[in-house]
Protein backbone atom coordinates (compact mmCIF):
# COMPACT_ATOMS: atom_id res chain seq x y z
CA UNK A 1 0.00 0.00 0.00
CA UNK A 2 1.54 3.28 -1.14
CA UNK A 3 0.67 6.95 -0.79
CA UNK A 4 0.01 8.61 -4.14
CA UNK A 5 -1.62 11.86 -3.08
CA UNK A 6 -5.36 12.49 -2.89
CA UNK A 7 -8.01 14.50 -4.66
CA UNK A 8 -7.69 17.14 -1.95
CA UNK A 9 -3.90 17.21 -1.59
CA UNK A 10 -1.40 17.89 -4.37
CA UNK A 11 1.69 15.90 -3.41
CA UNK A 12 4.93 16.30 -5.36
CA UNK A 13 6.82 13.22 -6.49
CA UNK A 14 9.56 13.65 -3.88
CA UNK A 15 6.98 14.04 -1.09
CA UNK A 16 5.23 10.81 -2.09
CA UNK A 17 8.63 9.07 -2.16
CA UNK A 18 9.35 10.35 1.37
CA UNK A 19 6.04 9.09 2.78
CA UNK A 20 6.47 5.68 1.19
CA UNK A 21 10.10 5.45 2.33
CA UNK A 22 8.99 6.05 5.93
CA UNK A 23 6.37 3.32 5.52
CA UNK A 24 8.95 0.88 4.16
CA UNK A 25 11.61 1.68 6.77
CA UNK A 26 9.02 1.85 9.57
CA UNK A 27 10.63 5.03 10.82
CA UNK A 28 9.05 8.35 11.81
CA UNK A 29 8.71 10.83 8.95
CA UNK A 30 10.00 14.28 9.93
CA UNK A 31 8.44 16.99 7.77
CA UNK A 32 9.81 20.53 7.80
CA UNK A 33 8.74 23.56 5.80
CA UNK A 34 7.35 27.07 6.04
CA UNK A 35 4.19 27.47 8.14
CA UNK A 36 1.14 27.07 5.93
CA UNK A 37 2.67 24.68 3.41
CA UNK A 38 0.35 21.79 4.30
CA UNK A 39 2.44 19.73 6.72
CA UNK A 40 -0.43 18.98 9.09
CA UNK A 41 -2.88 18.37 6.25
CA UNK A 42 -0.40 15.91 4.72
CA UNK A 43 -0.72 13.60 7.73
CA UNK A 44 -4.52 13.77 7.55
CA UNK A 45 -4.52 12.99 3.84
CA UNK A 46 -2.01 10.12 4.21
CA UNK A 47 -4.33 8.53 6.77
CA UNK A 48 -7.34 9.02 4.51
CA UNK A 49 -5.50 7.70 1.44
CA UNK A 50 -4.26 4.56 3.22
CA UNK A 51 -7.52 3.96 5.09
CA UNK A 52 -5.87 4.33 8.48
CA UNK A 53 -7.11 5.89 11.71
CA UNK A 54 -5.73 9.39 12.28
CA UNK A 55 -4.46 10.33 15.76
CA UNK A 56 -3.22 13.88 16.35
CA UNK A 57 -0.97 15.12 19.14
CA UNK A 58 -0.70 18.92 19.07
CA UNK A 59 2.50 20.02 20.80
CA UNK A 60 2.62 23.29 22.76
CA UNK A 61 5.44 25.09 24.56
CA UNK A 62 4.29 23.51 27.85
CA UNK A 63 3.86 19.97 26.49
CA UNK A 64 5.96 17.24 28.08
CA UNK A 65 6.85 13.94 26.42
CA UNK A 66 5.29 12.02 29.32
CA UNK A 67 1.87 13.42 28.38
CA UNK A 68 2.04 11.48 25.12
CA UNK A 69 2.50 8.25 27.07
CA UNK A 70 0.17 8.67 30.05
CA UNK A 71 -0.52 10.88 33.04
CA UNK A 72 -1.10 9.74 36.62
CA UNK A 73 -3.72 11.86 38.40
CA UNK A 74 -2.44 11.66 41.98
CA UNK A 75 -4.54 14.64 43.06
CA UNK A 76 -7.82 12.96 42.12
CA UNK A 77 -6.76 9.77 43.87
CA UNK A 78 -5.93 11.67 47.06
CA UNK A 79 -9.26 13.45 46.96
CA UNK A 80 -11.17 10.21 46.39
CA UNK A 81 -9.32 8.53 49.26
CA UNK A 82 -10.36 11.35 51.56
CA UNK A 83 -13.96 10.87 50.43
CA UNK A 84 -13.81 7.10 50.93
CA UNK A 85 -14.37 6.26 47.27
CA UNK A 86 -13.81 2.54 46.54
CA UNK A 87 -12.17 3.16 43.20
CA UNK A 88 -8.97 4.37 44.92
CA UNK A 89 -8.03 0.70 45.40
CA UNK A 90 -7.39 0.33 41.64
CA UNK A 91 -4.69 2.74 40.53
CA UNK A 92 -5.65 2.19 36.89
CA UNK A 93 -8.63 4.47 37.50
CA UNK A 94 -6.18 7.35 37.71
CA UNK A 95 -4.04 6.57 34.69
CA UNK A 96 -4.94 8.71 31.68
CA UNK A 97 -3.60 7.28 28.39
CA UNK A 98 -1.85 9.70 26.05
CA UNK A 99 -1.75 9.80 22.25
CA UNK A 100 1.10 7.28 21.94
CA UNK A 101 -0.77 4.87 24.20
CA UNK A 102 -3.84 5.32 21.99
CA UNK A 103 -1.80 4.70 18.84
CA UNK A 104 -0.03 1.65 20.30
CA UNK A 105 -3.27 -0.09 21.28
CA UNK A 106 -4.96 0.12 17.89
CA UNK A 107 -5.62 -3.24 16.21
CA UNK A 108 -4.66 -1.75 12.84
CA UNK A 109 -1.66 0.53 12.37
CA UNK A 110 -2.81 4.18 12.58
CA UNK A 111 -1.18 7.41 11.42
CA UNK A 112 0.09 9.33 14.46
CA UNK A 113 0.79 13.03 13.91
CA UNK A 114 3.11 14.77 16.38
CA UNK A 115 2.45 18.32 15.25
CA UNK A 116 4.95 21.19 15.63
CA UNK A 117 7.47 19.32 17.76
CA UNK A 118 9.81 22.34 17.73
CA UNK A 119 7.40 24.28 19.96
CA UNK A 120 8.29 22.12 22.96
CA UNK A 121 11.34 22.16 25.18
CA UNK A 122 14.59 21.03 23.55
CA UNK A 123 14.55 17.84 25.65
CA UNK A 124 11.12 16.81 24.35
CA UNK A 125 12.41 14.88 21.27
CA UNK A 126 15.11 13.13 23.32
CA UNK A 127 12.51 12.04 25.87
CA UNK A 128 10.65 10.14 23.12
CA UNK A 129 13.68 8.39 21.57
CA UNK A 130 13.23 5.01 23.20
CA UNK A 131 9.43 4.96 22.88
CA UNK A 132 9.51 5.73 19.14
CA UNK A 133 12.40 3.33 18.59
CA UNK A 134 11.08 0.31 20.48
CA UNK A 135 7.40 1.21 20.12
CA UNK A 136 6.76 0.45 23.78
CA UNK A 137 6.92 2.11 27.17
CA UNK A 138 6.65 1.10 30.83
CA UNK A 139 3.87 2.29 33.17
CA UNK A 140 5.56 2.52 36.57
CA UNK A 141 2.37 2.87 38.60
CA UNK A 142 0.87 -0.40 37.33
CA UNK A 143 4.02 -2.31 36.38
CA UNK A 144 2.78 -3.01 32.83
CA UNK A 145 4.47 -2.49 29.49
CA UNK A 146 2.43 -0.95 26.68
CA UNK A 147 3.67 -2.26 23.33
CA UNK A 148 2.38 -1.33 19.89
CA UNK A 149 0.07 -3.99 18.46
CA UNK A 150 0.88 -2.61 15.02
CA UNK A 151 3.68 -0.11 14.39
CA UNK A 152 2.01 3.22 13.56
CA UNK A 153 3.20 5.56 10.83
CA UNK A 154 4.49 8.48 12.86
CA UNK A 155 4.55 11.84 11.05
CA UNK A 156 6.33 14.65 12.89
CA UNK A 157 6.12 18.26 11.74
CA UNK A 158 8.45 21.15 12.51
CA UNK A 159 8.43 24.82 11.54
CA UNK A 160 12.19 24.97 12.17
CA UNK A 161 11.82 27.26 15.19
CA UNK A 162 14.64 25.36 16.90
CA UNK A 163 17.16 22.68 15.97
CA UNK A 164 16.26 19.10 16.85
CA UNK A 165 18.82 16.79 18.52
CA UNK A 166 21.04 14.67 16.26
CA UNK A 167 20.06 11.47 18.06
CA UNK A 168 16.43 12.17 17.24
CA UNK A 169 17.16 13.10 13.62
CA UNK A 170 19.04 9.82 13.08
CA UNK A 171 15.87 7.88 13.82
CA UNK A 172 13.72 9.78 11.31
CA UNK A 173 13.31 9.87 7.56
CA UNK A 174 13.52 13.58 6.72
CA UNK A 175 11.75 15.63 4.07
CA UNK A 176 11.62 19.39 3.56
CA UNK A 177 8.51 20.67 1.77
CA UNK A 178 9.86 23.31 -0.58
CA UNK A 179 7.56 26.22 -1.29
CA UNK A 180 5.47 25.33 -4.37
CA UNK A 181 6.48 26.79 -7.71
CA UNK A 182 3.91 28.58 -9.86
CA UNK A 183 2.82 25.42 -11.69
CA UNK A 184 2.32 23.40 -8.50
CA UNK A 185 0.55 26.35 -6.88
CA UNK A 186 -1.85 26.50 -9.82
CA UNK A 187 -2.68 22.82 -9.24
CA UNK A 188 -3.27 23.47 -5.53
CA UNK A 189 -5.58 26.39 -6.31
CA UNK A 190 -7.49 24.28 -8.86
CA UNK A 191 -8.09 21.62 -6.19
CA UNK A 192 -9.39 24.08 -3.58
CA UNK A 193 -11.13 26.57 -5.89
CA UNK A 194 -12.16 24.61 -8.99
CA UNK A 195 -14.80 27.21 -9.94
CA UNK A 196 -12.47 30.22 -9.82
CA UNK A 197 -12.12 32.22 -13.01
CA UNK A 198 -8.74 31.40 -14.50
CA UNK A 199 -8.01 35.03 -15.36
CA UNK A 200 -8.53 35.96 -11.70
CA UNK A 201 -6.34 33.08 -10.54
CA UNK A 202 -3.57 34.04 -12.97
CA UNK A 203 -3.47 37.65 -11.83
CA UNK A 204 -3.77 36.65 -8.15
CA UNK A 205 -0.83 34.24 -8.47
CA UNK A 206 1.30 36.95 -10.12
CA UNK A 207 0.59 39.36 -7.28
CA UNK A 208 1.09 36.65 -4.64
CA UNK A 209 4.55 35.67 -5.89
CA UNK A 210 5.52 39.34 -6.33
CA UNK A 211 4.54 39.98 -2.70
CA UNK A 212 6.63 37.00 -1.54
CA UNK A 213 9.65 38.28 -3.47
CA UNK A 214 9.43 41.82 -2.10
CA UNK A 215 12.76 42.69 -0.39
CA UNK A 216 12.42 43.45 3.30
CA UNK A 217 9.19 41.48 3.83
CA UNK A 218 9.08 40.19 7.41
CA UNK A 219 6.56 37.37 6.88
CA UNK A 220 6.04 35.90 3.43
CA UNK A 221 2.44 34.83 2.75
CA UNK A 222 1.93 31.06 2.69
CA UNK A 223 -0.11 28.67 0.56
CA UNK A 224 -2.97 28.67 3.06
CA UNK A 225 -3.04 32.48 3.04
CA UNK A 226 -3.19 32.53 -0.77
CA UNK A 227 -6.19 30.18 -0.67
CA UNK A 228 -7.91 32.43 1.90
CA UNK A 229 -7.19 35.51 -0.22
CA UNK A 230 -8.61 33.89 -3.35
CA UNK A 231 -11.73 32.87 -1.44
CA UNK A 232 -12.20 36.50 -0.40
CA UNK A 233 -11.61 37.79 -3.93
CA UNK A 234 -14.23 35.38 -5.24
CA UNK A 235 -16.78 36.13 -2.50
CA UNK A 236 -16.46 39.89 -2.97
CA UNK A 237 -16.99 39.42 -6.72
CA UNK A 238 -14.36 42.05 -7.48
CA UNK A 239 -13.89 43.04 -11.13
CA UNK A 240 -11.07 41.05 -12.70
CA UNK A 241 -9.24 44.16 -13.87
CA UNK A 242 -8.75 45.35 -10.27
CA UNK A 243 -5.79 42.99 -9.98
CA UNK A 244 -4.33 44.22 -13.26
CA UNK A 245 -4.24 47.87 -12.20
CA UNK A 246 -0.91 49.56 -12.85
CA UNK A 247 -1.90 52.56 -10.74
CA UNK A 248 1.01 53.12 -8.28
CA UNK A 249 -1.47 53.96 -5.54
CA UNK A 250 -2.92 50.46 -5.88
CA UNK A 251 0.38 48.71 -5.14
CA UNK A 252 -1.09 47.22 -1.97
CA UNK A 253 -3.27 44.24 -3.04
CA UNK A 254 -7.02 44.45 -2.39
CA UNK A 255 -8.06 42.68 0.83
CA UNK A 256 -4.36 42.56 1.72
CA UNK A 257 -5.13 41.55 5.32
CA UNK A 258 -5.28 37.94 4.09
CA UNK A 259 -1.69 38.16 2.82
CA UNK A 260 0.11 40.70 5.02
CA UNK A 261 -0.04 39.73 8.68
CA UNK A 262 1.90 42.44 10.50
CA UNK A 263 2.08 46.22 10.49
CA UNK A 264 5.73 46.30 9.33
CA UNK A 265 4.83 44.60 6.06
CA UNK A 266 1.77 46.82 5.52
CA UNK A 267 3.93 49.91 6.14
CA UNK A 268 6.53 48.52 3.70
CA UNK A 269 3.95 48.34 0.92
CA UNK A 270 2.56 51.76 1.85
CA UNK A 271 6.08 53.24 1.52
CA UNK A 272 6.59 51.49 -1.82
CA UNK A 273 3.25 52.87 -3.05
CA UNK A 274 4.25 56.36 -1.89
CA UNK A 275 7.60 56.13 -3.66
CA UNK A 276 5.93 54.90 -6.83
CA UNK A 277 3.43 57.77 -6.72
CA UNK A 278 6.24 60.28 -6.19
CA UNK A 279 8.31 58.80 -9.02
CA UNK A 280 5.24 58.83 -11.23
CA UNK A 281 4.73 62.54 -10.66
CA UNK A 282 8.40 63.18 -11.29
């Protein structure tokens, strides 16, 4: 069984090769790339394409590796003991399985997404080395070992906010999702907005790539932001020639709030428009 993309996800040849290599090697697939390039959606679409259950573990700055295994609720047990509750005699009542536990106990191999691993503490990846390698972990409170019934396909995403440890990287198959070129982006737009007027899409793509290439831009707009912008352009039913305007005062794209996400970048385009207007008068 191989991943070949889906109707809702345009996968490049090298990305499909990476997914299938991780399946063959039975190693975690580490996916890096700019935010908004479809890393999370990839895991969802791989699960859908292969007919596997999808389990998602969203990592935050406060997330600890132990939470993915299980958590022992000692506070609840203490409270119940004070209230004379009979369930305190079975410690299993206070063990809360995490996402790895859920993935390991599936009868059929699921797809486990560990999303944005670089948000967590630098020790987080190291704390999962053994569990992801051996596909098992020990529950100290009950004395049992939880082993994977079927080895899940683990997909790990990173926005490159911090470097991951070498020992962790050695255990992964790595793939970097390059930003789509114009041809691939056209295919992505066609999938998500099949009814869009092609003239509108063409002009929107030209503006989008010009915005991304603007020197001094703090945050380049992503694929997801382009799709949002196109949705707005279509819903507002703007005239097609509004995107073709060569008027220097119209340098900032219409509905630019979908593309420019901080005041520095808006001010940058306002300054460029001002300079263009001044040069035009000169």
